[in-house]
Amino acid sequence: MNFPLLVDTQKNLALLFGAAKKPDDKRLKRLTIIIDKEGKIVKIDKEVNPSTHGADLVEFFKNPKT
């Protein structure tokens, strides 16, 4: 990969973006947050479908306005 991934081991971002409801949640909602080089959030996908997510991301980066 030519980009960094963030791992939220303390669930701080999970709580902030609604993937977790409380700090001791064991099951988190899957979501993807795309951040540009300037640190601006470009897209928040809260409806991630694991079976199509790779293709969904490819399509997004080909056509970022969709």
N, C-alpha and C. Protein backbone atom coordinates (compact mmCIF):
# COMPACT_ATOMS: atom_id res chain seq x y z
N MET A 1 0.84 -1.18 0.00
CA MET A 1 0.00 0.00 0.00
C MET A 1 0.89 1.24 0.00
N ASN A 2 0.40 2.25 -0.65
CA ASN A 2 1.16 3.50 -0.69
C ASN A 2 0.47 4.60 0.13
N PHE A 3 -0.26 4.17 1.15
CA PHE A 3 -0.93 5.12 2.04
C PHE A 3 -1.01 4.51 3.43
N PRO A 4 -1.07 5.36 4.45
CA PRO A 4 -1.13 4.82 5.82
C PRO A 4 -2.54 4.40 6.20
N LEU A 5 -2.62 3.42 7.08
CA LEU A 5 -3.88 3.03 7.69
C LEU A 5 -3.80 3.39 9.16
N LEU A 6 -4.92 3.79 9.72
CA LEU A 6 -4.97 4.14 11.12
C LEU A 6 -5.63 3.01 11.89
N VAL A 7 -5.04 2.60 12.98
CA VAL A 7 -5.62 1.57 13.84
C VAL A 7 -6.05 2.25 15.14
N ASP A 8 -7.32 2.12 15.46
CA ASP A 8 -7.93 2.82 16.59
C ASP A 8 -8.06 1.86 17.79
N THR A 9 -6.95 1.48 18.37
CA THR A 9 -6.97 0.48 19.44
C THR A 9 -7.70 0.94 20.70
N GLN A 10 -7.79 2.22 20.94
CA GLN A 10 -8.47 2.74 22.14
C GLN A 10 -9.93 3.10 21.87
N LYS A 11 -10.39 2.92 20.64
CA LYS A 11 -11.77 3.19 20.21
C LYS A 11 -12.15 4.67 20.27
N ASN A 12 -11.19 5.55 20.28
CA ASN A 12 -11.50 6.98 20.31
C ASN A 12 -12.24 7.43 19.06
N LEU A 13 -11.72 7.05 17.90
CA LEU A 13 -12.39 7.43 16.65
C LEU A 13 -13.67 6.64 16.44
N ALA A 14 -13.69 5.40 16.88
CA ALA A 14 -14.91 4.59 16.77
C ALA A 14 -16.06 5.27 17.52
N LEU A 15 -15.78 5.80 18.67
CA LEU A 15 -16.80 6.51 19.45
C LEU A 15 -17.18 7.82 18.77
N LEU A 16 -16.19 8.54 18.29
CA LEU A 16 -16.43 9.83 17.64
C LEU A 16 -17.30 9.69 16.40
N PHE A 17 -17.04 8.66 15.58
CA PHE A 17 -17.75 8.51 14.31
C PHE A 17 -18.93 7.54 14.38
N GLY A 18 -19.24 7.03 15.55
CA GLY A 18 -20.42 6.21 15.72
C GLY A 18 -20.26 4.73 15.42
N ALA A 19 -19.04 4.25 15.30
CA ALA A 19 -18.82 2.82 15.09
C ALA A 19 -19.01 2.05 16.40
N ALA A 20 -18.85 2.74 17.51
CA ALA A 20 -19.09 2.16 18.84
C ALA A 20 -19.99 3.10 19.61
N LYS A 21 -20.83 2.53 20.45
CA LYS A 21 -21.72 3.36 21.26
C LYS A 21 -21.12 3.67 22.62
N LYS A 22 -20.28 2.75 23.11
CA LYS A 22 -19.63 2.96 24.41
C LYS A 22 -18.24 2.32 24.37
N PRO A 23 -17.33 2.79 25.21
CA PRO A 23 -15.93 2.32 25.15
C PRO A 23 -15.74 0.82 25.33
N ASP A 24 -16.64 0.17 26.05
CA ASP A 24 -16.46 -1.26 26.28
C ASP A 24 -17.18 -2.14 25.26
N ASP A 25 -17.73 -1.54 24.19
CA ASP A 25 -18.36 -2.33 23.13
C ASP A 25 -17.35 -3.32 22.55
N LYS A 26 -17.78 -4.55 22.38
CA LYS A 26 -16.92 -5.58 21.79
C LYS A 26 -17.11 -5.67 20.28
N ARG A 27 -18.30 -5.36 19.82
CA ARG A 27 -18.58 -5.39 18.38
C ARG A 27 -18.75 -3.97 17.89
N LEU A 28 -17.99 -3.62 16.87
CA LEU A 28 -18.04 -2.28 16.32
C LEU A 28 -18.65 -2.32 14.93
N LYS A 29 -19.30 -1.24 14.56
CA LYS A 29 -19.82 -1.11 13.21
C LYS A 29 -18.66 -0.80 12.28
N ARG A 30 -18.61 -1.49 11.15
CA ARG A 30 -17.54 -1.25 10.19
C ARG A 30 -17.81 0.04 9.43
N LEU A 31 -16.79 0.89 9.33
CA LEU A 31 -16.89 2.10 8.51
C LEU A 31 -15.53 2.46 7.95
N THR A 32 -15.55 3.25 6.90
CA THR A 32 -14.32 3.70 6.26
C THR A 32 -14.36 5.22 6.18
N ILE A 33 -13.25 5.84 6.58
CA ILE A 33 -13.11 7.29 6.51
C ILE A 33 -11.91 7.57 5.60
N ILE A 34 -12.15 8.33 4.54
CA ILE A 34 -11.08 8.67 3.60
C ILE A 34 -10.67 10.10 3.88
N ILE A 35 -9.37 10.29 4.13
CA ILE A 35 -8.80 11.59 4.47
C ILE A 35 -7.77 11.96 3.41
N ASP A 36 -7.86 13.19 2.89
CA ASP A 36 -6.91 13.59 1.84
C ASP A 36 -5.57 14.00 2.43
N LYS A 37 -4.64 14.36 1.56
CA LYS A 37 -3.28 14.71 1.99
C LYS A 37 -3.23 15.91 2.91
N GLU A 38 -4.22 16.78 2.81
CA GLU A 38 -4.27 17.97 3.67
C GLU A 38 -4.95 17.70 5.01
N GLY A 39 -5.43 16.47 5.21
CA GLY A 39 -6.08 16.11 6.46
C GLY A 39 -7.58 16.34 6.46
N LYS A 40 -8.17 16.68 5.32
CA LYS A 40 -9.61 16.92 5.20
C LYS A 40 -10.33 15.59 4.99
N ILE A 41 -11.42 15.38 5.71
CA ILE A 41 -12.23 14.18 5.51
C ILE A 41 -12.96 14.34 4.18
N VAL A 42 -12.71 13.41 3.28
CA VAL A 42 -13.29 13.44 1.95
C VAL A 42 -14.58 12.62 1.89
N LYS A 43 -14.61 11.52 2.63
CA LYS A 43 -15.77 10.63 2.58
C LYS A 43 -15.83 9.80 3.86
N ILE A 44 -17.03 9.62 4.37
CA ILE A 44 -17.28 8.70 5.46
C ILE A 44 -18.31 7.70 4.95
N ASP A 45 -17.92 6.44 4.91
CA ASP A 45 -18.81 5.37 4.46
C ASP A 45 -19.22 4.57 5.68
N LYS A 46 -20.46 4.78 6.14
CA LYS A 46 -20.97 4.07 7.31
C LYS A 46 -21.78 2.83 6.92
N GLU A 47 -21.88 2.57 5.63
CA GLU A 47 -22.63 1.41 5.13
C GLU A 47 -21.69 0.49 4.36
N VAL A 48 -20.61 0.09 4.97
CA VAL A 48 -19.60 -0.75 4.32
C VAL A 48 -20.16 -2.15 4.10
N ASN A 49 -20.08 -2.63 2.88
CA ASN A 49 -20.44 -4.00 2.54
C ASN A 49 -19.13 -4.75 2.32
N PRO A 50 -18.72 -5.61 3.23
CA PRO A 50 -17.42 -6.27 3.11
C PRO A 50 -17.22 -7.02 1.79
N SER A 51 -18.29 -7.54 1.20
CA SER A 51 -18.12 -8.31 -0.03
C SER A 51 -17.87 -7.43 -1.26
N THR A 52 -18.20 -6.13 -1.18
CA THR A 52 -17.98 -5.25 -2.34
C THR A 52 -17.07 -4.06 -2.01
N HIS A 53 -16.59 -3.99 -0.78
CA HIS A 53 -15.89 -2.78 -0.34
C HIS A 53 -14.64 -2.46 -1.16
N GLY A 54 -13.87 -3.47 -1.51
CA GLY A 54 -12.68 -3.22 -2.33
C GLY A 54 -13.05 -2.57 -3.65
N ALA A 55 -14.02 -3.13 -4.34
CA ALA A 55 -14.48 -2.57 -5.62
C ALA A 55 -15.10 -1.19 -5.42
N ASP A 56 -15.84 -1.01 -4.32
CA ASP A 56 -16.43 0.30 -4.02
C ASP A 56 -15.35 1.36 -3.87
N LEU A 57 -14.26 1.02 -3.19
CA LEU A 57 -13.16 1.97 -3.02
C LEU A 57 -12.48 2.29 -4.35
N VAL A 58 -12.26 1.27 -5.16
CA VAL A 58 -11.66 1.51 -6.49
C VAL A 58 -12.53 2.47 -7.28
N GLU A 59 -13.82 2.24 -7.28
CA GLU A 59 -14.75 3.12 -8.01
C GLU A 59 -14.71 4.54 -7.45
N PHE A 60 -14.67 4.67 -6.13
CA PHE A 60 -14.60 6.00 -5.52
C PHE A 60 -13.36 6.74 -5.98
N PHE A 61 -12.20 6.07 -5.97
CA PHE A 61 -10.97 6.77 -6.34
C PHE A 61 -10.90 7.06 -7.83
N LYS A 62 -11.61 6.29 -8.64
CA LYS A 62 -11.69 6.61 -10.07
C LYS A 62 -12.59 7.81 -10.31
N ASN A 63 -13.66 7.92 -9.52
CA ASN A 63 -14.67 8.98 -9.66
C ASN A 63 -15.00 9.55 -8.30
N PRO A 64 -14.09 10.34 -7.71
CA PRO A 64 -14.28 10.79 -6.32
C PRO A 64 -15.49 11.68 -6.07
N LYS A 65 -16.12 12.20 -7.08
CA LYS A 65 -17.28 13.08 -6.88
C LYS A 65 -18.58 12.29 -6.71
N THR A 66 -18.53 10.96 -6.87
CA THR A 66 -19.76 10.16 -6.78
C THR A 66 -20.04 9.74 -5.37
